[in-house]
C-alpha cells in the first residue's frame, strides 16, 4: 500500500442518495484517506442498488490504486453521468476496496446516518 493512503472501516451507517432516492445503505463502508484529499467512502457493491447503475465508457488510472471503471446513475428524471467508480482489480496493496463503489459527492449525496 502507498504510505499516503489509508483504508479503515468507516464508523456507523452510511447512505448514498441520487435523485432523492436511497441508492445504497451500509454499516460496512470503508473510508479511504489519500494525502490531503478529502476522505472517500467506499460502499460494498452488495449494499448498492446496482440495477440503477450503467457502466460508462469513462475510465481512470491511479498509480497507487489501479484502473477504475465509472458508472452513470439512472434516476426517475435524469441520468447522472459518471457519478460512481469502482476498482474492479485494484493494485495488491489496495485489495480492501475490491468489490466496493465510491461516489462523486458533487453529483450525489453521501452521508452518515
N, C-alpha and C. Protein backbone atom coordinates (compact mmCIF):
# COMPACT_ATOMS: atom_id res chain seq x y z
N UNK A 1 0.85 -1.19 0.00
CA UNK A 1 0.00 0.00 0.00
C UNK A 1 0.88 1.24 0.00
N UNK A 2 0.43 2.26 -0.67
CA UNK A 2 1.16 3.51 -0.69
C UNK A 2 1.10 4.13 0.72
N UNK A 3 2.20 4.71 1.15
CA UNK A 3 2.27 5.26 2.50
C UNK A 3 1.28 6.40 2.74
N UNK A 4 0.87 7.07 1.69
CA UNK A 4 -0.03 8.22 1.87
C UNK A 4 -1.51 7.82 1.76
N UNK A 5 -1.82 6.54 1.61
CA UNK A 5 -3.20 6.07 1.52
C UNK A 5 -3.50 5.18 2.71
N UNK A 6 -4.62 5.46 3.34
CA UNK A 6 -5.05 4.66 4.49
C UNK A 6 -6.49 4.22 4.27
N UNK A 7 -6.77 2.94 4.48
CA UNK A 7 -8.12 2.39 4.35
C UNK A 7 -8.53 1.85 5.71
N UNK A 8 -9.65 2.35 6.22
CA UNK A 8 -10.16 1.91 7.52
C UNK A 8 -11.65 1.63 7.42
N UNK A 9 -12.19 0.92 8.40
CA UNK A 9 -13.63 0.73 8.46
C UNK A 9 -14.26 2.07 8.84
N UNK A 10 -15.29 2.46 8.11
CA UNK A 10 -15.99 3.72 8.40
C UNK A 10 -16.97 3.48 9.55
N UNK A 11 -16.99 4.38 10.49
CA UNK A 11 -17.88 4.25 11.63
C UNK A 11 -19.34 4.45 11.23
N UNK A 12 -20.22 3.67 11.84
CA UNK A 12 -21.65 3.89 11.70
C UNK A 12 -22.24 3.43 10.38
N UNK A 13 -23.41 3.99 10.10
CA UNK A 13 -24.19 3.65 8.91
C UNK A 13 -24.04 4.77 7.88
N UNK A 14 -23.85 4.39 6.62
CA UNK A 14 -23.68 5.34 5.53
C UNK A 14 -24.76 5.15 4.48
N UNK A 15 -25.18 6.26 3.88
CA UNK A 15 -26.24 6.25 2.86
C UNK A 15 -25.76 7.06 1.66
N UNK A 16 -26.08 6.57 0.47
CA UNK A 16 -25.86 7.35 -0.74
C UNK A 16 -27.22 7.57 -1.39
N UNK A 17 -27.50 8.83 -1.74
CA UNK A 17 -28.78 9.21 -2.36
C UNK A 17 -28.51 9.82 -3.73
N UNK A 18 -29.37 9.46 -4.66
CA UNK A 18 -29.29 10.02 -6.01
C UNK A 18 -30.71 10.35 -6.46
N UNK A 19 -30.91 11.57 -6.93
CA UNK A 19 -32.24 11.96 -7.38
C UNK A 19 -33.28 11.86 -6.28
N UNK A 20 -32.86 12.03 -5.02
CA UNK A 20 -33.78 11.98 -3.90
C UNK A 20 -34.04 10.58 -3.35
N UNK A 21 -33.62 9.55 -4.06
CA UNK A 21 -33.85 8.16 -3.63
C UNK A 21 -32.58 7.57 -3.02
N UNK A 22 -32.76 6.66 -2.09
CA UNK A 22 -31.62 5.97 -1.50
C UNK A 22 -31.13 4.93 -2.50
N UNK A 23 -29.87 5.05 -2.86
CA UNK A 23 -29.24 4.13 -3.81
C UNK A 23 -28.44 3.06 -3.08
N UNK A 24 -27.96 3.39 -1.89
CA UNK A 24 -27.20 2.43 -1.11
C UNK A 24 -27.23 2.78 0.36
N UNK A 25 -27.09 1.75 1.18
CA UNK A 25 -27.10 1.93 2.62
C UNK A 25 -26.27 0.80 3.23
N UNK A 26 -25.34 1.15 4.12
CA UNK A 26 -24.46 0.11 4.66
C UNK A 26 -23.92 0.48 6.03
N UNK A 27 -23.60 -0.54 6.79
CA UNK A 27 -22.84 -0.39 8.04
C UNK A 27 -21.44 -0.96 7.84
N UNK A 28 -21.11 -1.32 6.59
CA UNK A 28 -19.84 -1.96 6.27
C UNK A 28 -18.99 -1.14 5.30
N UNK A 29 -19.12 0.18 5.36
CA UNK A 29 -18.36 1.05 4.47
C UNK A 29 -16.90 1.11 4.86
N UNK A 30 -16.08 1.42 3.87
CA UNK A 30 -14.66 1.67 4.10
C UNK A 30 -14.39 3.15 3.85
N UNK A 31 -13.46 3.71 4.61
CA UNK A 31 -13.06 5.10 4.41
C UNK A 31 -11.64 5.11 3.90
N UNK A 32 -11.43 5.69 2.73
CA UNK A 32 -10.11 5.79 2.14
C UNK A 32 -9.65 7.24 2.26
N UNK A 33 -8.51 7.41 2.90
CA UNK A 33 -7.90 8.73 3.04
C UNK A 33 -6.60 8.71 2.26
N UNK A 34 -6.46 9.69 1.38
CA UNK A 34 -5.29 9.77 0.50
C UNK A 34 -4.67 11.15 0.60
N UNK A 35 -3.55 11.23 1.30
CA UNK A 35 -2.85 12.51 1.43
C UNK A 35 -3.75 13.60 1.97
N UNK A 36 -3.76 14.72 1.27
CA UNK A 36 -4.54 15.89 1.69
C UNK A 36 -5.95 15.92 1.08
N UNK A 37 -6.29 14.91 0.26
CA UNK A 37 -7.62 14.87 -0.35
C UNK A 37 -8.68 14.56 0.70
N UNK A 38 -9.91 15.00 0.47
CA UNK A 38 -10.98 14.61 1.40
C UNK A 38 -11.16 13.09 1.39
N UNK A 39 -11.55 12.53 2.52
CA UNK A 39 -11.80 11.09 2.62
C UNK A 39 -12.92 10.68 1.67
N UNK A 40 -12.84 9.44 1.19
CA UNK A 40 -13.84 8.89 0.30
C UNK A 40 -14.43 7.65 0.96
N UNK A 41 -15.75 7.55 0.93
CA UNK A 41 -16.45 6.40 1.48
C UNK A 41 -16.69 5.40 0.36
N UNK A 42 -16.29 4.16 0.59
CA UNK A 42 -16.50 3.07 -0.37
C UNK A 42 -17.58 2.14 0.18
N UNK A 43 -18.63 1.95 -0.60
CA UNK A 43 -19.76 1.10 -0.23
C UNK A 43 -19.56 -0.30 -0.80
N UNK A 44 -19.82 -1.34 -0.01
CA UNK A 44 -19.79 -2.69 -0.58
C UNK A 44 -20.81 -2.76 -1.73
N UNK A 45 -20.41 -3.33 -2.83
CA UNK A 45 -21.28 -3.42 -4.00
C UNK A 45 -22.62 -4.09 -3.67
N UNK A 46 -22.60 -5.06 -2.75
CA UNK A 46 -23.83 -5.76 -2.36
C UNK A 46 -24.82 -4.85 -1.64
N UNK A 47 -24.36 -3.70 -1.15
CA UNK A 47 -25.23 -2.77 -0.43
C UNK A 47 -25.67 -1.59 -1.29
N UNK A 48 -25.45 -1.68 -2.59
CA UNK A 48 -25.82 -0.63 -3.54
C UNK A 48 -26.81 -1.21 -4.54
N UNK A 49 -27.85 -0.46 -4.86
CA UNK A 49 -28.83 -0.88 -5.86
C UNK A 49 -28.22 -0.70 -7.25
N UNK A 50 -27.41 -1.66 -7.63
CA UNK A 50 -26.65 -1.54 -8.89
C UNK A 50 -27.55 -1.60 -10.12
N UNK A 51 -28.80 -1.98 -9.96
CA UNK A 51 -29.73 -2.00 -11.09
C UNK A 51 -29.88 -0.59 -11.69
N UNK A 52 -29.59 0.45 -10.89
CA UNK A 52 -29.71 1.83 -11.36
C UNK A 52 -28.39 2.38 -11.91
N UNK A 53 -27.37 1.54 -11.94
CA UNK A 53 -26.05 1.96 -12.44
C UNK A 53 -25.80 1.38 -13.82
N UNK A 54 -25.33 2.22 -14.71
CA UNK A 54 -24.96 1.79 -16.05
C UNK A 54 -23.47 2.02 -16.24
N UNK A 55 -22.73 0.99 -16.69
CA UNK A 55 -21.30 1.20 -16.95
C UNK A 55 -21.10 2.32 -17.96
N UNK A 56 -20.11 3.12 -17.72
CA UNK A 56 -19.77 4.24 -18.58
C UNK A 56 -18.54 3.87 -19.41
N UNK A 57 -18.29 4.59 -20.46
CA UNK A 57 -17.06 4.41 -21.23
C UNK A 57 -15.86 5.05 -20.53
N UNK A 58 -16.14 5.84 -19.51
CA UNK A 58 -15.08 6.56 -18.80
C UNK A 58 -14.28 5.61 -17.92
N UNK A 59 -12.98 5.74 -17.98
CA UNK A 59 -12.08 5.01 -17.08
C UNK A 59 -11.06 6.02 -16.55
N UNK A 60 -10.41 5.65 -15.47
CA UNK A 60 -9.34 6.49 -14.95
C UNK A 60 -8.27 5.57 -14.36
N UNK A 61 -7.10 6.14 -14.16
CA UNK A 61 -6.00 5.34 -13.63
C UNK A 61 -5.34 6.09 -12.48
N UNK A 62 -5.11 5.38 -11.40
CA UNK A 62 -4.34 5.89 -10.27
C UNK A 62 -3.11 4.99 -10.13
N UNK A 63 -1.94 5.57 -10.06
CA UNK A 63 -0.74 4.73 -9.96
C UNK A 63 -0.70 3.89 -8.68
N UNK A 64 -1.46 4.26 -7.66
CA UNK A 64 -1.44 3.52 -6.40
C UNK A 64 -2.63 2.57 -6.26
N UNK A 65 -3.77 2.92 -6.85
CA UNK A 65 -4.96 2.08 -6.70
C UNK A 65 -5.25 1.22 -7.93
N UNK A 66 -4.85 1.66 -9.10
CA UNK A 66 -5.09 0.90 -10.32
C UNK A 66 -6.06 1.57 -11.26
N UNK A 67 -6.74 0.77 -12.08
CA UNK A 67 -7.68 1.28 -13.08
C UNK A 67 -9.10 1.24 -12.52
N UNK A 68 -9.82 2.36 -12.68
CA UNK A 68 -11.19 2.47 -12.19
C UNK A 68 -12.17 2.48 -13.35
N UNK A 69 -13.27 1.77 -13.15
CA UNK A 69 -14.41 1.81 -14.07
C UNK A 69 -15.42 2.79 -13.49
N UNK A 70 -16.07 3.55 -14.37
CA UNK A 70 -17.04 4.56 -13.91
C UNK A 70 -18.46 4.14 -14.31
N UNK A 71 -19.42 4.69 -13.56
CA UNK A 71 -20.82 4.32 -13.75
C UNK A 71 -21.69 5.57 -13.72
N UNK A 72 -22.72 5.57 -14.55
CA UNK A 72 -23.73 6.61 -14.52
C UNK A 72 -24.94 6.07 -13.77
N UNK A 73 -25.69 6.97 -13.16
CA UNK A 73 -26.85 6.58 -12.37
C UNK A 73 -28.12 7.05 -13.08
N UNK A 74 -29.06 6.14 -13.25
CA UNK A 74 -30.35 6.45 -13.85
C UNK A 74 -31.35 6.75 -12.73
N UNK A 75 -31.82 7.99 -12.66
CA UNK A 75 -32.86 8.34 -11.69
C UNK A 75 -34.18 8.45 -12.44
N UNK A 76 -35.26 8.76 -11.72
CA UNK A 76 -36.57 8.92 -12.36
C UNK A 76 -36.58 10.03 -13.40
N UNK A 77 -35.76 11.06 -13.17
CA UNK A 77 -35.85 12.23 -14.04
C UNK A 77 -34.61 12.51 -14.88
N UNK A 78 -33.50 11.84 -14.60
CA UNK A 78 -32.27 12.18 -15.33
C UNK A 78 -31.23 11.08 -15.20
N UNK A 79 -30.21 11.20 -16.02
CA UNK A 79 -29.03 10.34 -15.90
C UNK A 79 -27.92 11.21 -15.29
N UNK A 80 -27.33 10.71 -14.23
CA UNK A 80 -26.21 11.40 -13.60
C UNK A 80 -24.94 10.72 -14.11
N UNK A 81 -24.31 11.39 -15.07
CA UNK A 81 -23.18 10.79 -15.78
C UNK A 81 -21.95 10.65 -14.88
N UNK A 82 -21.32 9.48 -14.96
CA UNK A 82 -20.07 9.22 -14.26
C UNK A 82 -20.13 9.63 -12.78
N UNK A 83 -21.16 9.17 -12.09
CA UNK A 83 -21.37 9.54 -10.69
C UNK A 83 -20.68 8.60 -9.71
N UNK A 84 -20.26 7.43 -10.18
CA UNK A 84 -19.65 6.44 -9.29
C UNK A 84 -18.45 5.79 -9.97
N UNK A 85 -17.61 5.19 -9.15
CA UNK A 85 -16.47 4.45 -9.71
C UNK A 85 -16.15 3.26 -8.83
N UNK A 86 -15.42 2.33 -9.43
CA UNK A 86 -15.04 1.12 -8.73
C UNK A 86 -13.71 0.63 -9.30
N UNK A 87 -12.85 0.15 -8.42
CA UNK A 87 -11.62 -0.50 -8.84
C UNK A 87 -11.89 -2.00 -8.86
N UNK A 88 -12.16 -2.52 -10.05
CA UNK A 88 -12.53 -3.93 -10.20
C UNK A 88 -11.37 -4.85 -9.82
N UNK A 89 -10.17 -4.44 -10.14
CA UNK A 89 -8.96 -5.22 -9.81
C UNK A 89 -7.90 -4.25 -9.31
N UNK A 90 -8.06 -3.77 -8.07
CA UNK A 90 -7.11 -2.78 -7.55
C UNK A 90 -5.72 -3.38 -7.39
N UNK A 91 -4.76 -2.52 -7.24
CA UNK A 91 -3.39 -2.98 -7.02
C UNK A 91 -3.33 -3.78 -5.71
N UNK A 92 -2.29 -4.56 -5.59
CA UNK A 92 -2.14 -5.50 -4.47
C UNK A 92 -2.37 -4.86 -3.10
N UNK A 93 -1.80 -3.73 -2.85
CA UNK A 93 -1.93 -3.08 -1.56
C UNK A 93 -3.29 -2.46 -1.30
N UNK A 94 -4.14 -2.40 -2.31
CA UNK A 94 -5.46 -1.77 -2.20
C UNK A 94 -6.59 -2.79 -2.29
N UNK A 95 -6.29 -4.05 -2.10
CA UNK A 95 -7.27 -5.12 -2.26
C UNK A 95 -8.54 -4.90 -1.43
N UNK A 96 -8.44 -4.17 -0.33
CA UNK A 96 -9.61 -3.96 0.54
C UNK A 96 -10.76 -3.28 -0.20
N UNK A 97 -10.47 -2.44 -1.21
CA UNK A 97 -11.56 -1.74 -1.90
C UNK A 97 -12.14 -2.54 -3.07
N UNK A 98 -11.61 -3.70 -3.33
CA UNK A 98 -12.20 -4.57 -4.35
C UNK A 98 -13.63 -4.92 -3.92
N UNK A 99 -14.56 -4.90 -4.85
CA UNK A 99 -15.95 -5.20 -4.52
C UNK A 99 -16.69 -4.03 -3.89
N UNK A 100 -16.09 -2.84 -3.95
CA UNK A 100 -16.70 -1.64 -3.37
C UNK A 100 -16.88 -0.58 -4.45
N UNK A 101 -17.76 0.38 -4.16
CA UNK A 101 -18.02 1.50 -5.07
C UNK A 101 -17.93 2.80 -4.29
N UNK A 102 -17.46 3.83 -4.96
CA UNK A 102 -17.41 5.17 -4.38
C UNK A 102 -18.21 6.11 -5.29
N UNK A 103 -18.59 7.25 -4.75
CA UNK A 103 -19.47 8.18 -5.46
C UNK A 103 -18.93 9.59 -5.38
N UNK A 104 -19.09 10.34 -6.47
CA UNK A 104 -18.69 11.74 -6.50
C UNK A 104 -19.71 12.54 -5.71
N UNK A 105 -19.25 13.17 -4.62
CA UNK A 105 -20.16 13.88 -3.73
C UNK A 105 -20.68 15.19 -4.32
N UNK A 106 -20.14 15.62 -5.45
CA UNK A 106 -20.70 16.79 -6.12
C UNK A 106 -21.82 16.38 -7.08
N UNK A 107 -22.06 15.06 -7.21
CA UNK A 107 -23.11 14.56 -8.09
C UNK A 107 -24.24 13.84 -7.34
N UNK A 108 -23.89 13.22 -6.21
CA UNK A 108 -24.88 12.54 -5.37
C UNK A 108 -24.57 12.90 -3.92
N UNK A 109 -25.45 12.51 -3.02
CA UNK A 109 -25.25 12.81 -1.60
C UNK A 109 -24.80 11.56 -0.86
N UNK A 110 -23.65 11.64 -0.22
CA UNK A 110 -23.13 10.57 0.62
C UNK A 110 -23.13 11.12 2.04
N UNK A 111 -23.83 10.41 2.94
CA UNK A 111 -23.96 10.93 4.29
C UNK A 111 -23.94 9.82 5.33
N UNK A 112 -23.49 10.18 6.51
CA UNK A 112 -23.52 9.25 7.62
C UNK A 112 -24.87 9.42 8.31
N UNK A 113 -25.54 8.29 8.54
CA UNK A 113 -26.88 8.34 9.14
C UNK A 113 -26.79 8.38 10.66
